[in-house]
Amino acid sequence: MTPETVITLGQRALELATLLSAPVLLASLVVGVLISLFQAATQINEMTLSFVPKLLVVVLILLLAGPWMLELLVDFTRNLFKEIPNMIG
């Protein structure tokens, strides 16, 4: 296994991790900013007001994007296992 192979494999893994985490993180960020704006406008400083909506949005995103995320992860793992003989030899 050459260093280039290891670097390419690591790069593909990081790209996949970024792609899988982006929908959840972006949705949580948007909801957090909207809740913060609402809290600043109404001067309500309740911790559960920011936590509960973010949790609900994360669960919703995971339910909607979960099959796509799982498919990407399974495809990556399947291709990785398929390429093991080429990497060793």
C-alpha atoms as a PDB file:
ATOM      1  CA  MET A   1       0.000   0.000   0.000  1.00  0.00           C
ATOM      2  CA  THR A   2       1.567   3.228  -1.143  1.00  0.00           C
ATOM      3  CA  PRO A   3       1.385   6.533   0.723  1.00  0.00           C
ATOM      4  CA  GLU A   4      -0.642   7.972  -2.159  1.00  0.00           C
ATOM      5  CA  THR A   5      -3.262   5.254  -1.690  1.00  0.00           C
ATOM      6  CA  VAL A   6      -3.519   5.987   2.015  1.00  0.00           C
ATOM      7  CA  ILE A   7      -3.835   9.730   1.385  1.00  0.00           C
ATOM      8  CA  THR A   8      -6.497   9.192  -1.284  1.00  0.00           C
ATOM      9  CA  LEU A   9      -8.435   6.844   0.996  1.00  0.00           C
ATOM     10  CA  GLY A  10      -8.250   9.318   3.867  1.00  0.00           C
ATOM     11  CA  GLN A  11      -9.349  12.146   1.594  1.00  0.00           C
ATOM     12  CA  ARG A  12     -12.355  10.150   0.364  1.00  0.00           C
ATOM     13  CA  ALA A  13     -13.275   9.290   3.967  1.00  0.00           C
ATOM     14  CA  LEU A  14     -13.097  12.952   5.029  1.00  0.00           C
ATOM     15  CA  GLU A  15     -15.194  14.001   2.031  1.00  0.00           C
ATOM     16  CA  LEU A  16     -17.793  11.399   2.944  1.00  0.00           C
ATOM     17  CA  ALA A  17     -17.835  12.502   6.588  1.00  0.00           C
ATOM     18  CA  THR A  18     -18.327  16.110   5.507  1.00  0.00           C
ATOM     19  CA  LEU A  19     -21.091  15.170   3.098  1.00  0.00           C
ATOM     20  CA  LEU A  20     -22.880  13.066   5.718  1.00  0.00           C
ATOM     21  CA  SER A  21     -22.691  15.663   8.477  1.00  0.00           C
ATOM     22  CA  ALA A  22     -23.550  18.721   6.352  1.00  0.00           C
ATOM     23  CA  PRO A  23     -27.377  18.374   6.269  1.00  0.00           C
ATOM     24  CA  VAL A  24     -27.675  17.917  10.035  1.00  0.00           C
ATOM     25  CA  LEU A  25     -25.189  20.649  10.907  1.00  0.00           C
ATOM     26  CA  LEU A  26     -26.606  23.175   8.459  1.00  0.00           C
ATOM     27  CA  ALA A  27     -30.194  22.590   9.576  1.00  0.00           C
ATOM     28  CA  SER A  28     -29.156  22.897  13.220  1.00  0.00           C
ATOM     29  CA  LEU A  29     -27.248  26.095  12.446  1.00  0.00           C
ATOM     30  CA  VAL A  30     -30.215  27.687  10.657  1.00  0.00           C
ATOM     31  CA  VAL A  31     -32.638  26.801  13.439  1.00  0.00           C
ATOM     32  CA  GLY A  32     -30.184  28.020  16.075  1.00  0.00           C
ATOM     33  CA  VAL A  33     -29.796  31.391  14.360  1.00  0.00           C
ATOM     34  CA  LEU A  34     -33.563  31.785  13.951  1.00  0.00           C
ATOM     35  CA  ILE A  35     -34.186  30.918  17.602  1.00  0.00           C
ATOM     36  CA  SER A  36     -31.424  33.310  18.694  1.00  0.00           C
ATOM     37  CA  LEU A  37     -33.007  36.102  16.676  1.00  0.00           C
ATOM     38  CA  PHE A  38     -36.378  35.323  18.238  1.00  0.00           C
ATOM     39  CA  GLN A  39     -34.844  35.305  21.727  1.00  0.00           C
ATOM     40  CA  ALA A  40     -33.046  38.599  21.109  1.00  0.00           C
ATOM     41  CA  ALA A  41     -36.232  40.228  19.803  1.00  0.00           C
ATOM     42  CA  THR A  42     -38.428  39.026  22.666  1.00  0.00           C
ATOM     43  CA  GLN A  43     -35.737  39.019  25.392  1.00  0.00           C
ATOM     44  CA  ILE A  44     -36.676  35.471  26.370  1.00  0.00           C
ATOM     45  CA  ASN A  45     -33.630  33.588  27.651  1.00  0.00           C
ATOM     46  CA  GLU A  46     -34.843  30.054  28.078  1.00  0.00           C
ATOM     47  CA  MET A  47     -32.383  27.234  27.348  1.00  0.00           C
ATOM     48  CA  THR A  48     -35.045  24.734  26.327  1.00  0.00           C
ATOM     49  CA  LEU A  49     -36.355  27.187  23.742  1.00  0.00           C
ATOM     50  CA  SER A  50     -33.164  26.728  21.732  1.00  0.00           C
ATOM     51  CA  PHE A  51     -32.561  23.063  22.532  1.00  0.00           C
ATOM     52  CA  VAL A  52     -35.930  21.484  21.750  1.00  0.00           C
ATOM     53  CA  PRO A  53     -36.433  22.943  18.234  1.00  0.00           C
ATOM     54  CA  LYS A  54     -32.867  22.028  17.249  1.00  0.00           C
ATOM     55  CA  LEU A  55     -33.400  18.497  18.507  1.00  0.00           C
ATOM     56  CA  LEU A  56     -36.653  18.172  16.563  1.00  0.00           C
ATOM     57  CA  VAL A  57     -35.057  19.494  13.358  1.00  0.00           C
ATOM     58  CA  VAL A  58     -32.083  17.129  13.706  1.00  0.00           C
ATOM     59  CA  VAL A  59     -34.431  14.168  14.161  1.00  0.00           C
ATOM     60  CA  LEU A  60     -36.497  15.279  11.160  1.00  0.00           C
ATOM     61  CA  ILE A  61     -33.404  15.679   8.977  1.00  0.00           C
ATOM     62  CA  LEU A  62     -32.123  12.264  10.037  1.00  0.00           C
ATOM     63  CA  LEU A  63     -35.487  10.715   9.198  1.00  0.00           C
ATOM     64  CA  LEU A  64     -35.603  12.387   5.792  1.00  0.00           C
ATOM     65  CA  ALA A  65     -31.933  12.102   4.801  1.00  0.00           C
ATOM     66  CA  GLY A  66     -31.130   8.928   6.738  1.00  0.00           C
ATOM     67  CA  PRO A  67     -31.669   6.482   3.859  1.00  0.00           C
ATOM     68  CA  TRP A  68     -29.504   8.598   1.550  1.00  0.00           C
ATOM     69  CA  MET A  69     -26.792   8.889   4.203  1.00  0.00           C
ATOM     70  CA  LEU A  70     -26.860   5.171   4.878  1.00  0.00           C
ATOM     71  CA  GLU A  71     -26.675   4.407   1.161  1.00  0.00           C
ATOM     72  CA  LEU A  72     -23.578   6.600   0.790  1.00  0.00           C
ATOM     73  CA  LEU A  73     -21.905   4.957   3.756  1.00  0.00           C
ATOM     74  CA  VAL A  74     -22.713   1.428   2.588  1.00  0.00           C
ATOM     75  CA  ASP A  75     -21.472   2.189  -0.944  1.00  0.00           C
ATOM     76  CA  PHE A  76     -18.222   3.598   0.424  1.00  0.00           C
ATOM     77  CA  THR A  77     -17.695   0.581   2.678  1.00  0.00           C
ATOM     78  CA  ARG A  78     -18.591  -1.875  -0.084  1.00  0.00           C
ATOM     79  CA  ASN A  79     -16.133  -0.219  -2.492  1.00  0.00           C
ATOM     80  CA  LEU A  80     -13.473  -0.185   0.208  1.00  0.00           C
ATOM     81  CA  PHE A  81     -13.863  -3.916   0.839  1.00  0.00           C
ATOM     82  CA  LYS A  82     -13.873  -4.598  -2.896  1.00  0.00           C
ATOM     83  CA  GLU A  83     -10.604  -2.665  -3.346  1.00  0.00           C
ATOM     84  CA  ILE A  84      -8.709  -4.371  -0.503  1.00  0.00           C
ATOM     85  CA  PRO A  85      -7.038  -6.960  -2.766  1.00  0.00           C
ATOM     86  CA  ASN A  86      -5.854  -4.191  -5.118  1.00  0.00           C
ATOM     87  CA  MET A  87      -4.482  -2.162  -2.218  1.00  0.00           C
ATOM     88  CA  ILE A  88      -2.477  -5.041  -0.748  1.00  0.00           C
ATOM     89  CA  GLY A  89      -0.983  -6.332  -3.967  1.00  0.00           C
END
